[in-house]
Amino acid sequence: MANIDDFSKLDIRVGRITNVEDVEKARKPIYKLTIDFGQEIGIRIILAGIKNFYSKEELMDRQIACLVNLDPKNIAGVESQGMILAADDENGLALMVPNKELANGSRVH
């Protein structure tokens, strides 16, 4: 069971997707997302296995919640610097997004 101290270690921020690219070398269909987290964190590259659920056009300029303090991971020759937050069920996948416009880099509590 996780406690509040465990949760407080997670740095979850809102960022804006500024670019979406295919990752051709990946074994599974994934996107390379360029996400702007504002001045404090800056621009990050995050790889996400959401290609079967969202088009590039649907993702562009969208704000999403991401975990930004994970150790980087190399996937298909690209360093992923975080993780997007999403939920799924039998109806598909949904990104965790703010319900109103926020400053890039806003912290999720």
PDB file of N, CA and C in Angstrom:
ATOM      1  N   MET A   1       0.852  -1.184   0.000  1.00  0.00           N
ATOM      2  CA  MET A   1       0.000   0.000   0.000  1.00  0.00           C
ATOM      3  C   MET A   1       0.894   1.243   0.000  1.00  0.00           C
ATOM      4  N   ALA A   2       0.584   2.178  -0.880  1.00  0.00           N
ATOM      5  CA  ALA A   2       1.323   3.440  -0.953  1.00  0.00           C
ATOM      6  C   ALA A   2       0.779   4.399   0.098  1.00  0.00           C
ATOM      7  N   ASN A   3       1.654   5.264   0.587  1.00  0.00           N
ATOM      8  CA  ASN A   3       1.207   6.289   1.527  1.00  0.00           C
ATOM      9  C   ASN A   3       1.430   7.670   0.914  1.00  0.00           C
ATOM     10  N   ILE A   4       1.053   8.713   1.642  1.00  0.00           N
ATOM     11  CA  ILE A   4       1.122  10.082   1.116  1.00  0.00           C
ATOM     12  C   ILE A   4       2.557  10.478   0.806  1.00  0.00           C
ATOM     13  N   ASP A   5       3.533   9.955   1.558  1.00  0.00           N
ATOM     14  CA  ASP A   5       4.938  10.260   1.266  1.00  0.00           C
ATOM     15  C   ASP A   5       5.342   9.687  -0.084  1.00  0.00           C
ATOM     16  N   ASP A   6       4.840   8.491  -0.417  1.00  0.00           N
ATOM     17  CA  ASP A   6       5.127   7.904  -1.717  1.00  0.00           C
ATOM     18  C   ASP A   6       4.556   8.790  -2.828  1.00  0.00           C
ATOM     19  N   PHE A   7       3.321   9.225  -2.667  1.00  0.00           N
ATOM     20  CA  PHE A   7       2.679  10.067  -3.677  1.00  0.00           C
ATOM     21  C   PHE A   7       3.410  11.393  -3.831  1.00  0.00           C
ATOM     22  N   SER A   8       3.888  11.961  -2.734  1.00  0.00           N
ATOM     23  CA  SER A   8       4.545  13.270  -2.801  1.00  0.00           C
ATOM     24  C   SER A   8       5.863  13.218  -3.564  1.00  0.00           C
ATOM     25  N   LYS A   9       6.411  12.043  -3.798  1.00  0.00           N
ATOM     26  CA  LYS A   9       7.644  11.902  -4.583  1.00  0.00           C
ATOM     27  C   LYS A   9       7.390  12.085  -6.077  1.00  0.00           C
ATOM     28  N   LEU A  10       6.137  11.945  -6.500  1.00  0.00           N
ATOM     29  CA  LEU A  10       5.798  12.056  -7.912  1.00  0.00           C
ATOM     30  C   LEU A  10       5.637  13.519  -8.311  1.00  0.00           C
ATOM     31  N   ASP A  11       6.327  13.925  -9.358  1.00  0.00           N
ATOM     32  CA  ASP A  11       6.206  15.287  -9.873  1.00  0.00           C
ATOM     33  C   ASP A  11       5.367  15.225 -11.147  1.00  0.00           C
ATOM     34  N   ILE A  12       4.093  15.543 -11.007  1.00  0.00           N
ATOM     35  CA  ILE A  12       3.152  15.489 -12.118  1.00  0.00           C
ATOM     36  C   ILE A  12       2.860  16.922 -12.548  1.00  0.00           C
ATOM     37  N   ARG A  13       3.080  17.193 -13.831  1.00  0.00           N
ATOM     38  CA  ARG A  13       2.919  18.551 -14.352  1.00  0.00           C
ATOM     39  C   ARG A  13       2.065  18.563 -15.610  1.00  0.00           C
ATOM     40  N   VAL A  14       1.505  19.722 -15.890  1.00  0.00           N
ATOM     41  CA  VAL A  14       0.757  19.952 -17.113  1.00  0.00           C
ATOM     42  C   VAL A  14       1.714  20.518 -18.158  1.00  0.00           C
ATOM     43  N   GLY A  15       1.664  19.941 -19.344  1.00  0.00           N
ATOM     44  CA  GLY A  15       2.483  20.435 -20.445  1.00  0.00           C
ATOM     45  C   GLY A  15       1.677  20.484 -21.732  1.00  0.00           C
ATOM     46  N   ARG A  16       2.194  21.229 -22.702  1.00  0.00           N
ATOM     47  CA  ARG A  16       1.524  21.363 -23.996  1.00  0.00           C
ATOM     48  C   ARG A  16       2.339  20.623 -25.051  1.00  0.00           C
ATOM     49  N   ILE A  17       1.656  19.767 -25.806  1.00  0.00           N
ATOM     50  CA  ILE A  17       2.295  19.031 -26.889  1.00  0.00           C
ATOM     51  C   ILE A  17       2.553  19.993 -28.043  1.00  0.00           C
ATOM     52  N   THR A  18       3.830  20.111 -28.428  1.00  0.00           N
ATOM     53  CA  THR A  18       4.190  21.038 -29.506  1.00  0.00           C
ATOM     54  C   THR A  18       4.608  20.318 -30.787  1.00  0.00           C
ATOM     55  N   ASN A  19       4.870  19.009 -30.705  1.00  0.00           N
ATOM     56  CA  ASN A  19       5.229  18.244 -31.888  1.00  0.00           C
ATOM     57  C   ASN A  19       4.931  16.766 -31.645  1.00  0.00           C
ATOM     58  N   VAL A  20       4.527  16.081 -32.698  1.00  0.00           N
ATOM     59  CA  VAL A  20       4.224  14.644 -32.635  1.00  0.00           C
ATOM     60  C   VAL A  20       4.884  13.974 -33.827  1.00  0.00           C
ATOM     61  N   GLU A  21       5.699  12.939 -33.546  1.00  0.00           N
ATOM     62  CA  GLU A  21       6.374  12.209 -34.614  1.00  0.00           C
ATOM     63  C   GLU A  21       6.184  10.709 -34.407  1.00  0.00           C
ATOM     64  N   ASP A  22       6.218   9.968 -35.503  1.00  0.00           N
ATOM     65  CA  ASP A  22       6.227   8.512 -35.426  1.00  0.00           C
ATOM     66  C   ASP A  22       7.619   8.052 -35.004  1.00  0.00           C
ATOM     67  N   VAL A  23       7.679   6.924 -34.309  1.00  0.00           N
ATOM     68  CA  VAL A  23       8.959   6.298 -33.983  1.00  0.00           C
ATOM     69  C   VAL A  23       9.030   5.020 -34.812  1.00  0.00           C
ATOM     70  N   GLU A  24       9.710   5.113 -35.931  1.00  0.00           N
ATOM     71  CA  GLU A  24       9.729   4.032 -36.910  1.00  0.00           C
ATOM     72  C   GLU A  24      10.411   2.765 -36.401  1.00  0.00           C
ATOM     73  N   LYS A  25      11.436   2.899 -35.566  1.00  0.00           N
ATOM     74  CA  LYS A  25      12.207   1.746 -35.103  1.00  0.00           C
ATOM     75  C   LYS A  25      11.539   0.987 -33.957  1.00  0.00           C
ATOM     76  N   ALA A  26      10.456   1.495 -33.436  1.00  0.00           N
ATOM     77  CA  ALA A  26       9.787   0.862 -32.289  1.00  0.00           C
ATOM     78  C   ALA A  26       9.081  -0.427 -32.715  1.00  0.00           C
ATOM     79  N   ARG A  27       9.052  -1.403 -31.801  1.00  0.00           N
ATOM     80  CA  ARG A  27       8.353  -2.661 -32.064  1.00  0.00           C
ATOM     81  C   ARG A  27       6.844  -2.479 -32.048  1.00  0.00           C
ATOM     82  N   LYS A  28       6.364  -1.547 -31.223  1.00  0.00           N
ATOM     83  CA  LYS A  28       4.937  -1.257 -31.118  1.00  0.00           C
ATOM     84  C   LYS A  28       4.694   0.159 -31.638  1.00  0.00           C
ATOM     85  N   PRO A  29       3.463   0.473 -32.045  1.00  0.00           N
ATOM     86  CA  PRO A  29       3.184   1.823 -32.565  1.00  0.00           C
ATOM     87  C   PRO A  29       3.227   2.872 -31.456  1.00  0.00           C
ATOM     88  N   ILE A  30       4.230   3.753 -31.515  1.00  0.00           N
ATOM     89  CA  ILE A  30       4.366   4.811 -30.507  1.00  0.00           C
ATOM     90  C   ILE A  30       4.648   6.147 -31.174  1.00  0.00           C
ATOM     91  N   TYR A  31       4.361   7.203 -30.419  1.00  0.00           N
ATOM     92  CA  TYR A  31       4.685   8.558 -30.836  1.00  0.00           C
ATOM     93  C   TYR A  31       5.826   9.103 -29.993  1.00  0.00           C
ATOM     94  N   LYS A  32       6.591   9.984 -30.605  1.00  0.00           N
ATOM     95  CA  LYS A  32       7.569  10.816 -29.907  1.00  0.00           C
ATOM     96  C   LYS A  32       6.909  12.174 -29.744  1.00  0.00           C
ATOM     97  N   LEU A  33       6.587  12.529 -28.508  1.00  0.00           N
ATOM     98  CA  LEU A  33       5.913  13.792 -28.208  1.00  0.00           C
ATOM     99  C   LEU A  33       6.930  14.807 -27.701  1.00  0.00           C
ATOM    100  N   THR A  34       6.917  15.989 -28.253  1.00  0.00           N
ATOM    101  CA  THR A  34       7.684  17.103 -27.706  1.00  0.00           C
ATOM    102  C   THR A  34       6.699  17.910 -26.880  1.00  0.00           C
ATOM    103  N   ILE A  35       7.019  18.087 -25.588  1.00  0.00           N
ATOM    104  CA  ILE A  35       6.066  18.715 -24.665  1.00  0.00           C
ATOM    105  C   ILE A  35       6.740  19.881 -23.950  1.00  0.00           C
ATOM    106  N   ASP A  36       6.073  21.022 -23.956  1.00  0.00           N
ATOM    107  CA  ASP A  36       6.565  22.229 -23.291  1.00  0.00           C
ATOM    108  C   ASP A  36       5.980  22.288 -21.882  1.00  0.00           C
ATOM    109  N   PHE A  37       6.870  22.209 -20.877  1.00  0.00           N
ATOM    110  CA  PHE A  37       6.465  22.278 -19.477  1.00  0.00           C
ATOM    111  C   PHE A  37       6.784  23.629 -18.846  1.00  0.00           C
ATOM    112  N   GLY A  38       6.949  24.650 -19.639  1.00  0.00           N
ATOM    113  CA  GLY A  38       7.185  25.981 -19.097  1.00  0.00           C
ATOM    114  C   GLY A  38       8.638  26.207 -18.725  1.00  0.00           C
ATOM    115  N   GLN A  39       8.902  27.376 -18.165  1.00  0.00           N
ATOM    116  CA  GLN A  39      10.263  27.832 -17.912  1.00  0.00           C
ATOM    117  C   GLN A  39      11.035  26.961 -16.917  1.00  0.00           C
ATOM    118  N   GLU A  40      10.396  26.510 -15.856  1.00  0.00           N
ATOM    119  CA  GLU A  40      11.092  25.748 -14.812  1.00  0.00           C
ATOM    120  C   GLU A  40      11.635  24.405 -15.320  1.00  0.00           C
ATOM    121  N   ILE A  41      10.836  23.675 -16.082  1.00  0.00           N
ATOM    122  CA  ILE A  41      11.214  22.342 -16.551  1.00  0.00           C
ATOM    123  C   ILE A  41      11.680  22.375 -18.000  1.00  0.00           C
ATOM    124  N   GLY A  42      11.064  23.186 -18.817  1.00  0.00           N
ATOM    125  CA  GLY A  42      11.458  23.307 -20.215  1.00  0.00           C
ATOM    126  C   GLY A  42      10.785  22.293 -21.113  1.00  0.00           C
ATOM    127  N   ILE A  43      11.450  22.003 -22.206  1.00  0.00           N
ATOM    128  CA  ILE A  43      10.937  21.091 -23.228  1.00  0.00           C
ATOM    129  C   ILE A  43      11.423  19.681 -22.908  1.00  0.00           C
ATOM    130  N   ARG A  44      10.514  18.709 -22.996  1.00  0.00           N
ATOM    131  CA  ARG A  44      10.855  17.306 -22.783  1.00  0.00           C
ATOM    132  C   ARG A  44      10.361  16.479 -23.954  1.00  0.00           C
ATOM    133  N   ILE A  45      11.065  15.373 -24.210  1.00  0.00           N
ATOM    134  CA  ILE A  45      10.645  14.373 -25.179  1.00  0.00           C
ATOM    135  C   ILE A  45      10.076  13.202 -24.384  1.00  0.00           C
ATOM    136  N   ILE A  46       8.847  12.812 -24.693  1.00  0.00           N
ATOM    137  CA  ILE A  46       8.219  11.668 -24.025  1.00  0.00           C
ATOM    138  C   ILE A  46       7.652  10.753 -25.102  1.00  0.00           C
ATOM    139  N   LEU A  47       8.009   9.472 -25.016  1.00  0.00           N
ATOM    140  CA  LEU A  47       7.468   8.479 -25.936  1.00  0.00           C
ATOM    141  C   LEU A  47       6.206   7.889 -25.329  1.00  0.00           C
ATOM    142  N   ALA A  48       5.205   7.679 -26.163  1.00  0.00           N
ATOM    143  CA  ALA A  48       3.909   7.215 -25.661  1.00  0.00           C
ATOM    144  C   ALA A  48       3.274   6.228 -26.635  1.00  0.00           C
ATOM    145  N   GLY A  49       2.786   5.133 -26.101  1.00  0.00           N
ATOM    146  CA  GLY A  49       2.123   4.100 -26.901  1.00  0.00           C
ATOM    147  C   GLY A  49       0.657   4.392 -27.120  1.00  0.00           C
ATOM    148  N   ILE A  50       0.365   5.547 -27.682  1.00  0.00           N
ATOM    149  CA  ILE A  50      -1.032   5.976 -27.873  1.00  0.00           C
ATOM    150  C   ILE A  50      -1.396   6.137 -29.347  1.00  0.00           C
ATOM    151  N   LYS A  51      -0.529   5.673 -30.217  1.00  0.00           N
ATOM    152  CA  LYS A  51      -0.732   5.858 -31.660  1.00  0.00           C
ATOM    153  C   LYS A  51      -1.999   5.190 -32.173  1.00  0.00           C
ATOM    154  N   ASN A  52      -2.400   4.084 -31.564  1.00  0.00           N
ATOM    155  CA  ASN A  52      -3.624   3.395 -31.988  1.00  0.00           C
ATOM    156  C   ASN A  52      -4.894   4.097 -31.521  1.00  0.00           C
ATOM    157  N   PHE A  53      -4.757   5.116 -30.666  1.00  0.00           N
ATOM    158  CA  PHE A  53      -5.917   5.779 -30.076  1.00  0.00           C
ATOM    159  C   PHE A  53      -6.085   7.242 -30.502  1.00  0.00           C
ATOM    160  N   TYR A  54      -4.975   7.896 -30.865  1.00  0.00           N
ATOM    161  CA  TYR A  54      -5.010   9.324 -31.198  1.00  0.00           C
ATOM    162  C   TYR A  54      -4.222   9.588 -32.469  1.00  0.00           C
ATOM    163  N   SER A  55      -4.725  10.466 -33.287  1.00  0.00           N
ATOM    164  CA  SER A  55      -3.974  10.914 -34.461  1.00  0.00           C
ATOM    165  C   SER A  55      -3.020  12.038 -34.031  1.00  0.00           C
ATOM    166  N   LYS A  56      -2.070  12.313 -34.872  1.00  0.00           N
ATOM    167  CA  LYS A  56      -1.147  13.420 -34.599  1.00  0.00           C
ATOM    168  C   LYS A  56      -1.918  14.733 -34.452  1.00  0.00           C
ATOM    169  N   GLU A  57      -2.904  14.918 -35.313  1.00  0.00           N
ATOM    170  CA  GLU A  57      -3.683  16.161 -35.295  1.00  0.00           C
ATOM    171  C   GLU A  57      -4.466  16.329 -33.990  1.00  0.00           C
ATOM    172  N   GLU A  58      -4.974  15.236 -33.447  1.00  0.00           N
ATOM    173  CA  GLU A  58      -5.720  15.299 -32.183  1.00  0.00           C
ATOM    174  C   GLU A  58      -4.818  15.680 -31.011  1.00  0.00           C
ATOM    175  N   LEU A  59      -3.535  15.356 -31.108  1.00  0.00           N
ATOM    176  CA  LEU A  59      -2.606  15.595 -30.000  1.00  0.00           C
ATOM    177  C   LEU A  59      -1.958  16.976 -30.047  1.00  0.00           C
ATOM    178  N   MET A  60      -1.768  17.513 -31.240  1.00  0.00           N
ATOM    179  CA  MET A  60      -1.069  18.790 -31.378  1.00  0.00           C
ATOM    180  C   MET A  60      -1.741  19.906 -30.582  1.00  0.00           C
ATOM    181  N   ASP A  61      -0.921  20.647 -29.851  1.00  0.00           N
ATOM    182  CA  ASP A  61      -1.335  21.828 -29.081  1.00  0.00           C
ATOM    183  C   ASP A  61      -2.256  21.491 -27.907  1.00  0.00           C
ATOM    184  N   ARG A  62      -2.296  20.238 -27.512  1.00  0.00           N
ATOM    185  CA  ARG A  62      -3.154  19.798 -26.414  1.00  0.00           C
ATOM    186  C   ARG A  62      -2.361  19.806 -25.102  1.00  0.00           C
ATOM    187  N   GLN A  63      -3.002  20.238 -24.026  1.00  0.00           N
ATOM    188  CA  GLN A  63      -2.379  20.139 -22.709  1.00  0.00           C
ATOM    189  C   GLN A  63      -2.686  18.769 -22.110  1.00  0.00           C
ATOM    190  N   ILE A  64      -1.660  18.157 -21.486  1.00  0.00           N
ATOM    191  CA  ILE A  64      -1.817  16.851 -20.858  1.00  0.00           C
ATOM    192  C   ILE A  64      -1.031  16.822 -19.561  1.00  0.00           C
ATOM    193  N   ALA A  65      -1.388  15.878 -18.690  1.00  0.00           N
ATOM    194  CA  ALA A  65      -0.664  15.674 -17.435  1.00  0.00           C
ATOM    195  C   ALA A  65       0.406  14.602 -17.647  1.00  0.00           C
ATOM    196  N   CYS A  66       1.597  14.852 -17.105  1.00  0.00           N
ATOM    197  CA  CYS A  66       2.718  13.922 -17.271  1.00  0.00           C
ATOM    198  C   CYS A  66       3.516  13.820 -15.978  1.00  0.00           C
ATOM    199  N   LEU A  67       4.082  12.648 -15.773  1.00  0.00           N
ATOM    200  CA  LEU A  67       5.030  12.419 -14.688  1.00  0.00           C
ATOM    201  C   LEU A  67       6.390  12.824 -15.235  1.00  0.00           C
ATOM    202  N   VAL A  68       7.043  13.816 -14.602  1.00  0.00           N
ATOM    203  CA  VAL A  68       8.271  14.370 -15.180  1.00  0.00           C
ATOM    204  C   VAL A  68       9.538  14.018 -14.406  1.00  0.00           C
ATOM    205  N   ASN A  69       9.418  13.300 -13.302  1.00  0.00           N
ATOM    206  CA  ASN A  69      10.635  12.987 -12.567  1.00  0.00           C
ATOM    207  C   ASN A  69      10.981  11.496 -12.563  1.00  0.00           C
ATOM    208  N   LEU A  70      10.680  10.816 -13.654  1.00  0.00           N
ATOM    209  CA  LEU A  70      11.130   9.441 -13.843  1.00  0.00           C
ATOM    210  C   LEU A  70      12.548   9.444 -14.393  1.00  0.00           C
ATOM    211  N   ASP A  71      13.305   8.377 -14.130  1.00  0.00           N
ATOM    212  CA  ASP A  71      14.587   8.214 -14.785  1.00  0.00           C
ATOM    213  C   ASP A  71      14.340   8.094 -16.282  1.00  0.00           C
ATOM    214  N   PRO A  72      15.178   8.741 -17.103  1.00  0.00           N
ATOM    215  CA  PRO A  72      15.015   8.612 -18.557  1.00  0.00           C
ATOM    216  C   PRO A  72      15.154   7.157 -18.991  1.00  0.00           C
ATOM    217  N   LYS A  73      14.442   6.808 -20.068  1.00  0.00           N
ATOM    218  CA  LYS A  73      14.490   5.451 -20.594  1.00  0.00           C
ATOM    219  C   LYS A  73      14.688   5.507 -22.094  1.00  0.00           C
ATOM    220  N   ASN A  74      15.614   4.698 -22.606  1.00  0.00           N
ATOM    221  CA  ASN A  74      15.869   4.653 -24.031  1.00  0.00           C
ATOM    222  C   ASN A  74      14.952   3.616 -24.669  1.00  0.00           C
ATOM    223  N   ILE A  75      14.142   4.081 -25.614  1.00  0.00           N
ATOM    224  CA  ILE A  75      13.208   3.209 -26.329  1.00  0.00           C
ATOM    225  C   ILE A  75      13.438   3.435 -27.823  1.00  0.00           C
ATOM    226  N   ALA A  76      13.763   2.382 -28.531  1.00  0.00           N
ATOM    227  CA  ALA A  76      13.965   2.446 -29.985  1.00  0.00           C
ATOM    228  C   ALA A  76      14.957   3.541 -30.382  1.00  0.00           C
ATOM    229  N   GLY A  77      15.987   3.720 -29.554  1.00  0.00           N
ATOM    230  CA  GLY A  77      17.019   4.704 -29.861  1.00  0.00           C
ATOM    231  C   GLY A  77      16.677   6.128 -29.489  1.00  0.00           C
ATOM    232  N   VAL A  78      15.572   6.352 -28.802  1.00  0.00           N
ATOM    233  CA  VAL A  78      15.150   7.691 -28.393  1.00  0.00           C
ATOM    234  C   VAL A  78      15.009   7.719 -26.875  1.00  0.00           C
ATOM    235  N   GLU A  79      15.545   8.769 -26.235  1.00  0.00           N
ATOM    236  CA  GLU A  79      15.415   8.897 -24.788  1.00  0.00           C
ATOM    237  C   GLU A  79      14.068   9.514 -24.429  1.00  0.00           C
ATOM    238  N   SER A  80      13.283   8.777 -23.635  1.00  0.00           N
ATOM    239  CA  SER A  80      12.003   9.277 -23.135  1.00  0.00           C
ATOM    240  C   SER A  80      12.238   9.862 -21.748  1.00  0.00           C
ATOM    241  N   GLN A  81      11.781  11.101 -21.539  1.00  0.00           N
ATOM    242  CA  GLN A  81      12.082  11.852 -20.323  1.00  0.00           C
ATOM    243  C   GLN A  81      10.866  12.067 -19.438  1.00  0.00           C
ATOM    244  N   GLY A  82       9.981  11.086 -19.385  1.00  0.00           N
ATOM    245  CA  GLY A  82       8.792  11.186 -18.559  1.00  0.00           C
ATOM    246  C   GLY A  82       7.746  10.197 -19.016  1.00  0.00           C
ATOM    247  N   MET A  83       6.528  10.371 -18.502  1.00  0.00           N
ATOM    248  CA  MET A  83       5.424   9.477 -18.851  1.00  0.00           C
ATOM    249  C   MET A  83       4.128  10.280 -18.871  1.00  0.00           C
ATOM    250  N   ILE A  84       3.364  10.106 -19.953  1.00  0.00           N
ATOM    251  CA  ILE A  84       2.054  10.740 -19.983  1.00  0.00           C
ATOM    252  C   ILE A  84       1.116   9.962 -19.070  1.00  0.00           C
ATOM    253  N   LEU A  85       0.074  10.611 -18.583  1.00  0.00           N
ATOM    254  CA  LEU A  85      -0.923   9.944 -17.758  1.00  0.00           C
ATOM    255  C   LEU A  85      -2.186   9.725 -18.577  1.00  0.00           C
ATOM    256  N   ALA A  86      -2.673   8.496 -18.543  1.00  0.00           N
ATOM    257  CA  ALA A  86      -3.867   8.121 -19.296  1.00  0.00           C
ATOM    258  C   ALA A  86      -4.577   7.007 -18.542  1.00  0.00           C
ATOM    259  N   ALA A  87      -5.826   6.801 -18.866  1.00  0.00           N
ATOM    260  CA  ALA A  87      -6.618   5.707 -18.298  1.00  0.00           C
ATOM    261  C   ALA A  87      -7.268   4.959 -19.455  1.00  0.00           C
ATOM    262  N   ASP A  88      -7.536   3.660 -19.238  1.00  0.00           N
ATOM    263  CA  ASP A  88      -8.192   2.899 -20.291  1.00  0.00           C
ATOM    264  C   ASP A  88      -9.197   1.925 -19.710  1.00  0.00           C
ATOM    265  N   ASP A  89     -10.141   1.557 -20.558  1.00  0.00           N
ATOM    266  CA  ASP A  89     -11.126   0.530 -20.233  1.00  0.00           C
ATOM    267  C   ASP A  89     -11.565  -0.117 -21.538  1.00  0.00           C
ATOM    268  N   GLU A  90     -12.653  -0.846 -21.518  1.00  0.00           N
ATOM    269  CA  GLU A  90     -13.115  -1.528 -22.725  1.00  0.00           C
ATOM    270  C   GLU A  90     -13.524  -0.557 -23.835  1.00  0.00           C
ATOM    271  N   ASN A  91     -13.714   0.715 -23.508  1.00  0.00           N
ATOM    272  CA  ASN A  91     -14.101   1.717 -24.505  1.00  0.00           C
ATOM    273  C   ASN A  91     -12.920   2.436 -25.135  1.00  0.00           C
ATOM    274  N   GLY A  92     -11.714   2.146 -24.670  1.00  0.00           N
ATOM    275  CA  GLY A  92     -10.534   2.788 -25.241  1.00  0.00           C
ATOM    276  C   GLY A  92      -9.669   3.461 -24.203  1.00  0.00           C
ATOM    277  N   LEU A  93      -8.909   4.448 -24.652  1.00  0.00           N
ATOM    278  CA  LEU A  93      -7.926   5.134 -23.825  1.00  0.00           C
ATOM    279  C   LEU A  93      -8.259   6.618 -23.773  1.00  0.00           C
ATOM    280  N   ALA A  94      -8.050   7.243 -22.613  1.00  0.00           N
ATOM    281  CA  ALA A  94      -8.287   8.681 -22.453  1.00  0.00           C
ATOM    282  C   ALA A  94      -7.090   9.316 -21.765  1.00  0.00           C
ATOM    283  N   LEU A  95      -6.600  10.397 -22.333  1.00  0.00           N
ATOM    284  CA  LEU A  95      -5.516  11.146 -21.717  1.00  0.00           C
ATOM    285  C   LEU A  95      -6.053  11.912 -20.507  1.00  0.00           C
ATOM    286  N   MET A  96      -5.213  12.067 -19.508  1.00  0.00           N
ATOM    287  CA  MET A  96      -5.559  12.893 -18.364  1.00  0.00           C
ATOM    288  C   MET A  96      -5.217  14.335 -18.731  1.00  0.00           C
ATOM    289  N   VAL A  97      -6.243  15.156 -18.835  1.00  0.00           N
ATOM    290  CA  VAL A  97      -6.083  16.532 -19.293  1.00  0.00           C
ATOM    291  C   VAL A  97      -6.765  17.480 -18.303  1.00  0.00           C
ATOM    292  N   PRO A  98      -6.247  18.706 -18.179  1.00  0.00           N
ATOM    293  CA  PRO A  98      -6.943  19.683 -17.316  1.00  0.00           C
ATOM    294  C   PRO A  98      -8.269  20.090 -17.947  1.00  0.00           C
ATOM    295  N   ASN A  99      -9.235  20.446 -17.113  1.00  0.00           N
ATOM    296  CA  ASN A  99     -10.539  20.838 -17.652  1.00  0.00           C
ATOM    297  C   ASN A  99     -10.616  22.326 -17.988  1.00  0.00           C
ATOM    298  N   LYS A 100      -9.495  23.031 -17.819  1.00  0.00           N
ATOM    299  CA  LYS A 100      -9.389  24.413 -18.285  1.00  0.00           C
ATOM    300  C   LYS A 100      -7.926  24.686 -18.601  1.00  0.00           C
ATOM    301  N   GLU A 101      -7.675  25.732 -19.343  1.00  0.00           N
ATOM    302  CA  GLU A 101      -6.333  26.111 -19.738  1.00  0.00           C
ATOM    303  C   GLU A 101      -5.508  26.493 -18.492  1.00  0.00           C
ATOM    304  N   LEU A 102      -4.310  25.930 -18.392  1.00  0.00           N
ATOM    305  CA  LEU A 102      -3.404  26.226 -17.280  1.00  0.00           C
ATOM    306  C   LEU A 102      -2.045  26.629 -17.841  1.00  0.00           C
ATOM    307  N   ALA A 103      -1.228  27.255 -17.021  1.00  0.00           N
ATOM    308  CA  ALA A 103       0.140  27.573 -17.428  1.00  0.00           C
ATOM    309  C   ALA A 103       0.916  26.266 -17.583  1.00  0.00           C
ATOM    310  N   ASN A 104       1.713  26.171 -18.646  1.00  0.00           N
ATOM    311  CA  ASN A 104       2.555  25.000 -18.815  1.00  0.00           C
ATOM    312  C   ASN A 104       3.488  24.885 -17.609  1.00  0.00           C
ATOM    313  N   GLY A 105       3.598  23.670 -17.087  1.00  0.00           N
ATOM    314  CA  GLY A 105       4.414  23.434 -15.910  1.00  0.00           C
ATOM    315  C   GLY A 105       3.619  23.426 -14.608  1.00  0.00           C
ATOM    316  N   SER A 106       2.315  23.737 -14.678  1.00  0.00           N
ATOM    317  CA  SER A 106       1.490  23.722 -13.466  1.00  0.00           C
ATOM    318  C   SER A 106       1.551  22.341 -12.816  1.00  0.00           C
ATOM    319  N   ARG A 107       1.683  22.330 -11.506  1.00  0.00           N
ATOM    320  CA  ARG A 107       1.807  21.089 -10.744  1.00  0.00           C
ATOM    321  C   ARG A 107       0.440  20.479 -10.482  1.00  0.00           C
ATOM    322  N   VAL A 108       0.360  19.159 -10.619  1.00  0.00           N
ATOM    323  CA  VAL A 108      -0.859  18.410 -10.284  1.00  0.00           C
ATOM    324  C   VAL A 108      -0.722  17.950  -8.831  1.00  0.00           C
ATOM    325  N   HIS A 109      -1.733  18.260  -8.024  1.00  0.00           N
ATOM    326  CA  HIS A 109      -1.705  17.900  -6.597  1.00  0.00           C
ATOM    327  C   HIS A 109      -2.658  16.778  -6.318  1.00  0.00           C
TER     328      HIS A 109
END
